[in-house]
Amino acid sequence: MNNTYRHANVPYRSQWASPELNERIVNGSIDPCDDPMWTLSGFSSATEYRFWARRICGIACLESILDFLSIPHGTRYEMVREALSFGAYIRHDDNSVTGLIYRPFCDWVRARYQLDVDVYEHTPLSNVAKAISPSCMAFASVSSEIRNPTTPNARKGGHLILIHGTDPENILFHNPSGVPPYQANVSLRIKEAERFFARRGMFVSIPSGS
């Protein structure tokens, strides 16, 4: 069955404080903390903000959903701290990070925000697209190279986007580290997006009436 559905007015949330600076941060022309808005993230130091901002694509996607549903949440720092406490991220002694780890992340979201979240694996993107409905959005693990989908990619997975709409040929998504015109409400052919996709992610149930 062909599926066409779009959640209207899903807010875009960047991994960094100011979405309009994504491109300059990604290409290295500015430091993330050159943006004075970083202080609103709740992190106590520029070092910690810089460390985490590049790793929280999943939290940025979640924040889009929470704000869409008008569900209160803490600062980015508070959300990272809670996710760490559930094991969704593991910070090691050498300062490396394992994560985002899906199942503990789902446990956190269920406990903290009362949203049903389920992991999917080994799933073609066309099947993920078919699941998008009034009651479902999806996190999809893609290569960050999807921010420029007109160029070849070297890998799949490692970065999360939020799929909030679909039609028989395309997905509609927000990319937390994206740059215009592939940042917010991006429409990309499923066949094209598939080459970036690791065939895993999470489905998020959207309460009725949202």
C-alpha atoms as a PDB file:
ATOM      1  CA  MET A   1       0.000   0.000   0.000  1.00  0.00           C
ATOM      2  CA  ASN A   2       1.304   3.419  -0.951  1.00  0.00           C
ATOM      3  CA  ASN A   3       1.629   5.761   1.993  1.00  0.00           C
ATOM      4  CA  THR A   4       1.441   9.536   2.022  1.00  0.00           C
ATOM      5  CA  TYR A   5       1.494  11.370   5.309  1.00  0.00           C
ATOM      6  CA  ARG A   6       3.218  14.400   6.782  1.00  0.00           C
ATOM      7  CA  HIS A   7       3.219  15.641  10.361  1.00  0.00           C
ATOM      8  CA  ALA A   8       2.685  19.376   9.945  1.00  0.00           C
ATOM      9  CA  ASN A   9       4.815  21.981  11.706  1.00  0.00           C
ATOM     10  CA  VAL A  10       7.328  19.660  13.350  1.00  0.00           C
ATOM     11  CA  PRO A  11       9.943  22.077  14.736  1.00  0.00           C
ATOM     12  CA  TYR A  12      13.516  21.705  13.580  1.00  0.00           C
ATOM     13  CA  ARG A  13      16.177  21.326  16.246  1.00  0.00           C
ATOM     14  CA  SER A  14      19.894  21.446  15.505  1.00  0.00           C
ATOM     15  CA  GLN A  15      22.612  19.663  17.456  1.00  0.00           C
ATOM     16  CA  TRP A  16      24.089  23.107  18.019  1.00  0.00           C
ATOM     17  CA  ALA A  17      22.502  26.170  19.580  1.00  0.00           C
ATOM     18  CA  SER A  18      21.819  28.136  16.386  1.00  0.00           C
ATOM     19  CA  PRO A  19      20.698  26.179  13.298  1.00  0.00           C
ATOM     20  CA  GLU A  20      21.775  28.951  10.953  1.00  0.00           C
ATOM     21  CA  LEU A  21      25.379  28.294  12.008  1.00  0.00           C
ATOM     22  CA  ASN A  22      25.341  24.561  11.212  1.00  0.00           C
ATOM     23  CA  GLU A  23      27.173  24.941   7.934  1.00  0.00           C
ATOM     24  CA  ARG A  24      29.966  27.086   9.361  1.00  0.00           C
ATOM     25  CA  ILE A  25      30.414  24.704  12.298  1.00  0.00           C
ATOM     26  CA  VAL A  26      30.409  21.610  10.085  1.00  0.00           C
ATOM     27  CA  ASN A  27      32.955  23.053   7.653  1.00  0.00           C
ATOM     28  CA  GLY A  28      35.169  24.224  10.514  1.00  0.00           C
ATOM     29  CA  SER A  29      35.047  27.928   9.749  1.00  0.00           C
ATOM     30  CA  ILE A  30      33.840  28.699  13.286  1.00  0.00           C
ATOM     31  CA  ASP A  31      34.086  26.993  16.655  1.00  0.00           C
ATOM     32  CA  PRO A  32      30.703  25.872  18.056  1.00  0.00           C
ATOM     33  CA  CYS A  33      31.292  28.156  21.038  1.00  0.00           C
ATOM     34  CA  ASP A  34      31.736  31.213  18.832  1.00  0.00           C
ATOM     35  CA  ASP A  35      27.942  31.207  18.994  1.00  0.00           C
ATOM     36  CA  PRO A  36      27.038  32.988  22.255  1.00  0.00           C
ATOM     37  CA  MET A  37      23.755  31.065  22.347  1.00  0.00           C
ATOM     38  CA  TRP A  38      25.638  27.942  23.436  1.00  0.00           C
ATOM     39  CA  THR A  39      25.305  29.105  27.051  1.00  0.00           C
ATOM     40  CA  LEU A  40      21.560  28.399  26.889  1.00  0.00           C
ATOM     41  CA  SER A  41      22.323  24.683  26.529  1.00  0.00           C
ATOM     42  CA  GLY A  42      22.937  24.290  30.254  1.00  0.00           C
ATOM     43  CA  PHE A  43      26.507  23.043  29.918  1.00  0.00           C
ATOM     44  CA  SER A  44      28.800  24.645  32.475  1.00  0.00           C
ATOM     45  CA  SER A  45      31.806  24.908  30.177  1.00  0.00           C
ATOM     46  CA  ALA A  46      32.549  25.477  26.530  1.00  0.00           C
ATOM     47  CA  THR A  47      34.605  22.285  26.540  1.00  0.00           C
ATOM     48  CA  GLU A  48      31.646  20.153  27.609  1.00  0.00           C
ATOM     49  CA  TYR A  49      29.275  21.838  25.172  1.00  0.00           C
ATOM     50  CA  ARG A  50      31.730  21.343  22.326  1.00  0.00           C
ATOM     51  CA  PHE A  51      32.259  17.704  23.345  1.00  0.00           C
ATOM     52  CA  TRP A  52      28.572  16.789  23.471  1.00  0.00           C
ATOM     53  CA  ALA A  53      27.002  18.930  20.750  1.00  0.00           C
ATOM     54  CA  ARG A  54      28.560  16.846  17.989  1.00  0.00           C
ATOM     55  CA  ARG A  55      27.237  13.648  19.584  1.00  0.00           C
ATOM     56  CA  ILE A  56      23.591  14.458  20.345  1.00  0.00           C
ATOM     57  CA  CYS A  57      21.808  14.069  17.030  1.00  0.00           C
ATOM     58  CA  GLY A  58      19.389  11.678  18.753  1.00  0.00           C
ATOM     59  CA  ILE A  59      18.580  14.128  21.522  1.00  0.00           C
ATOM     60  CA  ALA A  60      18.015  16.872  18.945  1.00  0.00           C
ATOM     61  CA  CYS A  61      15.565  14.593  17.098  1.00  0.00           C
ATOM     62  CA  LEU A  62      13.821  13.788  20.361  1.00  0.00           C
ATOM     63  CA  GLU A  63      13.601  17.475  21.222  1.00  0.00           C
ATOM     64  CA  SER A  64      11.826  18.109  17.895  1.00  0.00           C
ATOM     65  CA  ILE A  65       9.191  15.553  18.857  1.00  0.00           C
ATOM     66  CA  LEU A  66       8.828  16.800  22.426  1.00  0.00           C
ATOM     67  CA  ASP A  67       8.380  20.381  21.263  1.00  0.00           C
ATOM     68  CA  PHE A  68       5.925  19.241  18.581  1.00  0.00           C
ATOM     69  CA  LEU A  69       3.892  17.544  21.308  1.00  0.00           C
ATOM     70  CA  SER A  70       4.375  20.420  23.794  1.00  0.00           C
ATOM     71  CA  ILE A  71       6.014  18.027  26.265  1.00  0.00           C
ATOM     72  CA  PRO A  72       8.282  19.900  28.703  1.00  0.00           C
ATOM     73  CA  HIS A  73      11.938  18.934  28.847  1.00  0.00           C
ATOM     74  CA  GLY A  74      15.158  20.181  30.378  1.00  0.00           C
ATOM     75  CA  THR A  75      18.181  21.823  28.830  1.00  0.00           C
ATOM     76  CA  ARG A  76      20.463  19.880  26.530  1.00  0.00           C
ATOM     77  CA  TYR A  77      22.802  19.330  29.454  1.00  0.00           C
ATOM     78  CA  GLU A  78      19.977  17.937  31.581  1.00  0.00           C
ATOM     79  CA  MET A  79      18.830  15.667  28.777  1.00  0.00           C
ATOM     80  CA  VAL A  80      22.354  14.346  28.234  1.00  0.00           C
ATOM     81  CA  ARG A  81      22.753  13.742  31.965  1.00  0.00           C
ATOM     82  CA  GLU A  82      19.476  11.786  32.096  1.00  0.00           C
ATOM     83  CA  ALA A  83      20.384   9.773  29.005  1.00  0.00           C
ATOM     84  CA  LEU A  84      23.749   8.914  30.568  1.00  0.00           C
ATOM     85  CA  SER A  85      22.036   7.741  33.743  1.00  0.00           C
ATOM     86  CA  PHE A  86      19.957   5.268  31.689  1.00  0.00           C
ATOM     87  CA  GLY A  87      22.996   4.011  29.773  1.00  0.00           C
ATOM     88  CA  ALA A  88      21.956   5.544  26.457  1.00  0.00           C
ATOM     89  CA  TYR A  89      25.474   6.957  26.283  1.00  0.00           C
ATOM     90  CA  ILE A  90      28.559   5.553  27.994  1.00  0.00           C
ATOM     91  CA  ARG A  91      31.471   7.921  28.524  1.00  0.00           C
ATOM     92  CA  HIS A  92      34.726   6.036  28.966  1.00  0.00           C
ATOM     93  CA  ASP A  93      37.849   6.930  30.921  1.00  0.00           C
ATOM     94  CA  ASP A  94      39.673   7.842  27.707  1.00  0.00           C
ATOM     95  CA  ASN A  95      36.885  10.364  26.984  1.00  0.00           C
ATOM     96  CA  SER A  96      35.441   8.322  24.136  1.00  0.00           C
ATOM     97  CA  VAL A  97      31.680   7.774  24.030  1.00  0.00           C
ATOM     98  CA  THR A  98      29.641   4.723  23.128  1.00  0.00           C
ATOM     99  CA  GLY A  99      26.203   5.688  21.940  1.00  0.00           C
ATOM    100  CA  LEU A 100      23.594   6.524  21.239  1.00  0.00           C
ATOM    101  CA  ILE A 101      22.565   3.051  22.433  1.00  0.00           C
ATOM    102  CA  TYR A 102      19.010   2.501  21.287  1.00  0.00           C
ATOM    103  CA  ARG A 103      17.398   0.270  23.879  1.00  0.00           C
ATOM    104  CA  PRO A 104      18.483   2.267  26.945  1.00  0.00           C
ATOM    105  CA  PHE A 105      17.471   5.398  25.053  1.00  0.00           C
ATOM    106  CA  CYS A 106      14.007   3.897  24.545  1.00  0.00           C
ATOM    107  CA  ASP A 107      13.834   3.053  28.249  1.00  0.00           C
ATOM    108  CA  TRP A 108      14.674   6.655  29.129  1.00  0.00           C
ATOM    109  CA  VAL A 109      12.115   8.149  26.754  1.00  0.00           C
ATOM    110  CA  ARG A 110       9.388   5.819  28.002  1.00  0.00           C
ATOM    111  CA  ALA A 111      10.149   6.534  31.658  1.00  0.00           C
ATOM    112  CA  ARG A 112      10.758  10.256  31.355  1.00  0.00           C
ATOM    113  CA  TYR A 113       8.309  11.342  28.652  1.00  0.00           C
ATOM    114  CA  GLN A 114       5.741   8.525  28.544  1.00  0.00           C
ATOM    115  CA  LEU A 115       6.250   7.977  24.834  1.00  0.00           C
ATOM    116  CA  ASP A 116       6.395   4.511  23.300  1.00  0.00           C
ATOM    117  CA  VAL A 117       9.650   4.011  21.403  1.00  0.00           C
ATOM    118  CA  ASP A 118      10.722   0.784  19.713  1.00  0.00           C
ATOM    119  CA  VAL A 119      13.925  -0.269  17.999  1.00  0.00           C
ATOM    120  CA  TYR A 120      13.862  -1.548  14.428  1.00  0.00           C
ATOM    121  CA  GLU A 121      16.722  -3.364  12.704  1.00  0.00           C
ATOM    122  CA  HIS A 122      17.415  -4.913   9.289  1.00  0.00           C
ATOM    123  CA  THR A 123      14.564  -2.854   7.854  1.00  0.00           C
ATOM    124  CA  PRO A 124      14.553  -1.360   4.339  1.00  0.00           C
ATOM    125  CA  LEU A 125      13.900   2.363   4.219  1.00  0.00           C
ATOM    126  CA  SER A 126      10.788   1.762   2.130  1.00  0.00           C
ATOM    127  CA  ASN A 127       9.308  -0.187   5.054  1.00  0.00           C
ATOM    128  CA  VAL A 128      10.246   2.559   7.511  1.00  0.00           C
ATOM    129  CA  ALA A 129       8.530   5.063   5.233  1.00  0.00           C
ATOM    130  CA  LYS A 130       5.370   2.955   5.175  1.00  0.00           C
ATOM    131  CA  ALA A 131       5.221   3.138   8.980  1.00  0.00           C
ATOM    132  CA  ILE A 132       5.016   6.942   9.032  1.00  0.00           C
ATOM    133  CA  SER A 133       1.463   7.837  10.018  1.00  0.00           C
ATOM    134  CA  PRO A 134      -0.495  10.111  12.354  1.00  0.00           C
ATOM    135  CA  SER A 135       0.694   7.828  15.159  1.00  0.00           C
ATOM    136  CA  CYS A 136       4.339   7.364  14.146  1.00  0.00           C
ATOM    137  CA  MET A 137       7.577   9.177  13.362  1.00  0.00           C
ATOM    138  CA  ALA A 138      10.946   7.491  12.943  1.00  0.00           C
ATOM    139  CA  PHE A 139      14.577   8.010  13.830  1.00  0.00           C
ATOM    140  CA  ALA A 140      16.777   6.631  11.054  1.00  0.00           C
ATOM    141  CA  SER A 141      20.489   5.847  11.283  1.00  0.00           C
ATOM    142  CA  VAL A 142      22.209   7.347   8.261  1.00  0.00           C
ATOM    143  CA  SER A 143      25.641   8.584   7.334  1.00  0.00           C
ATOM    144  CA  SER A 144      26.148  12.253   8.173  1.00  0.00           C
ATOM    145  CA  GLU A 145      27.109  12.567   4.499  1.00  0.00           C
ATOM    146  CA  ILE A 146      23.382  12.798   3.789  1.00  0.00           C
ATOM    147  CA  ARG A 147      23.751  16.533   4.425  1.00  0.00           C
ATOM    148  CA  ASN A 148      24.999  16.627   0.823  1.00  0.00           C
ATOM    149  CA  PRO A 149      23.107  13.812  -0.900  1.00  0.00           C
ATOM    150  CA  THR A 150      24.249  14.779  -4.398  1.00  0.00           C
ATOM    151  CA  THR A 151      27.761  13.455  -3.693  1.00  0.00           C
ATOM    152  CA  PRO A 152      28.968   9.857  -3.196  1.00  0.00           C
ATOM    153  CA  ASN A 153      29.044   8.496   0.350  1.00  0.00           C
ATOM    154  CA  ALA A 154      31.691   6.305   1.962  1.00  0.00           C
ATOM    155  CA  ARG A 155      29.648   4.837   4.808  1.00  0.00           C
ATOM    156  CA  LYS A 156      26.210   4.090   6.220  1.00  0.00           C
ATOM    157  CA  GLY A 157      24.832   4.880   9.658  1.00  0.00           C
ATOM    158  CA  GLY A 158      26.318   6.673  12.632  1.00  0.00           C
ATOM    159  CA  HIS A 159      24.004   9.685  12.607  1.00  0.00           C
ATOM    160  CA  LEU A 160      20.287  10.084  13.312  1.00  0.00           C
ATOM    161  CA  ILE A 161      17.676  11.991  11.350  1.00  0.00           C
ATOM    162  CA  LEU A 162      13.985  12.406  12.138  1.00  0.00           C
ATOM    163  CA  ILE A 163      11.586  11.177   9.453  1.00  0.00           C
ATOM    164  CA  HIS A 164       8.246  12.933   9.900  1.00  0.00           C
ATOM    165  CA  GLY A 165       6.652  12.561   6.494  1.00  0.00           C
ATOM    166  CA  THR A 166       6.532  10.302   3.474  1.00  0.00           C
ATOM    167  CA  ASP A 167       4.959   9.702   0.109  1.00  0.00           C
ATOM    168  CA  PRO A 168       5.365   6.718  -2.232  1.00  0.00           C
ATOM    169  CA  GLU A 169       8.679   8.030  -3.589  1.00  0.00           C
ATOM    170  CA  ASN A 170      10.178  10.248  -0.877  1.00  0.00           C
ATOM    171  CA  ILE A 171      10.883  10.698   2.808  1.00  0.00           C
ATOM    172  CA  LEU A 172      10.577  14.050   4.553  1.00  0.00           C
ATOM    173  CA  PHE A 173      13.042  14.590   7.382  1.00  0.00           C
ATOM    174  CA  HIS A 174      14.954  16.912   9.677  1.00  0.00           C
ATOM    175  CA  ASN A 175      18.736  16.506   9.846  1.00  0.00           C
ATOM    176  CA  PRO A 176      20.134  17.891  13.143  1.00  0.00           C
ATOM    177  CA  SER A 177      23.547  18.507  11.557  1.00  0.00           C
ATOM    178  CA  GLY A 178      22.167  19.389   8.147  1.00  0.00           C
ATOM    179  CA  VAL A 179      22.943  22.453   6.068  1.00  0.00           C
ATOM    180  CA  PRO A 180      20.544  24.211   3.678  1.00  0.00           C
ATOM    181  CA  PRO A 181      18.884  23.081   1.515  1.00  0.00           C
ATOM    182  CA  TYR A 182      19.223  19.665   3.183  1.00  0.00           C
ATOM    183  CA  GLN A 183      18.575  20.725   6.770  1.00  0.00           C
ATOM    184  CA  ALA A 184      14.883  20.973   7.675  1.00  0.00           C
ATOM    185  CA  ASN A 185      11.862  19.414   5.960  1.00  0.00           C
ATOM    186  CA  VAL A 186      14.172  17.750   3.469  1.00  0.00           C
ATOM    187  CA  SER A 187      12.438  15.769   0.743  1.00  0.00           C
ATOM    188  CA  LEU A 188      14.664  13.028  -0.628  1.00  0.00           C
ATOM    189  CA  ARG A 189      13.849  10.061  -2.795  1.00  0.00           C
ATOM    190  CA  ILE A 190      13.743   6.831  -0.827  1.00  0.00           C
ATOM    191  CA  LYS A 191      15.951   5.098  -3.385  1.00  0.00           C
ATOM    192  CA  GLU A 192      18.539   7.850  -2.981  1.00  0.00           C
ATOM    193  CA  ALA A 193      18.377   7.987   0.830  1.00  0.00           C
ATOM    194  CA  GLU A 194      18.727   4.202   1.088  1.00  0.00           C
ATOM    195  CA  ARG A 195      22.448   4.325   0.265  1.00  0.00           C
ATOM    196  CA  PHE A 196      23.110   6.341   3.454  1.00  0.00           C
ATOM    197  CA  PHE A 197      20.842   4.202   5.630  1.00  0.00           C
ATOM    198  CA  ALA A 198      22.067   1.488   8.017  1.00  0.00           C
ATOM    199  CA  ARG A 199      18.613  -0.157   8.161  1.00  0.00           C
ATOM    200  CA  ARG A 200      18.163   0.543  11.852  1.00  0.00           C
ATOM    201  CA  GLY A 201      16.626   3.187  14.069  1.00  0.00           C
ATOM    202  CA  MET A 202      13.605   3.728  16.288  1.00  0.00           C
ATOM    203  CA  PHE A 203       9.890   4.231  15.821  1.00  0.00           C
ATOM    204  CA  VAL A 204       8.272   6.814  18.093  1.00  0.00           C
ATOM    205  CA  SER A 205       4.550   6.562  18.784  1.00  0.00           C
ATOM    206  CA  ILE A 206       2.742   9.889  18.502  1.00  0.00           C
ATOM    207  CA  PRO A 207      -0.312  10.196  20.772  1.00  0.00           C
ATOM    208  CA  SER A 208      -3.661  10.623  19.041  1.00  0.00           C
ATOM    209  CA  GLY A 209      -4.878  14.167  18.722  1.00  0.00           C
ATOM    210  CA  SER A 210      -1.371  15.600  18.416  1.00  0.00           C
END
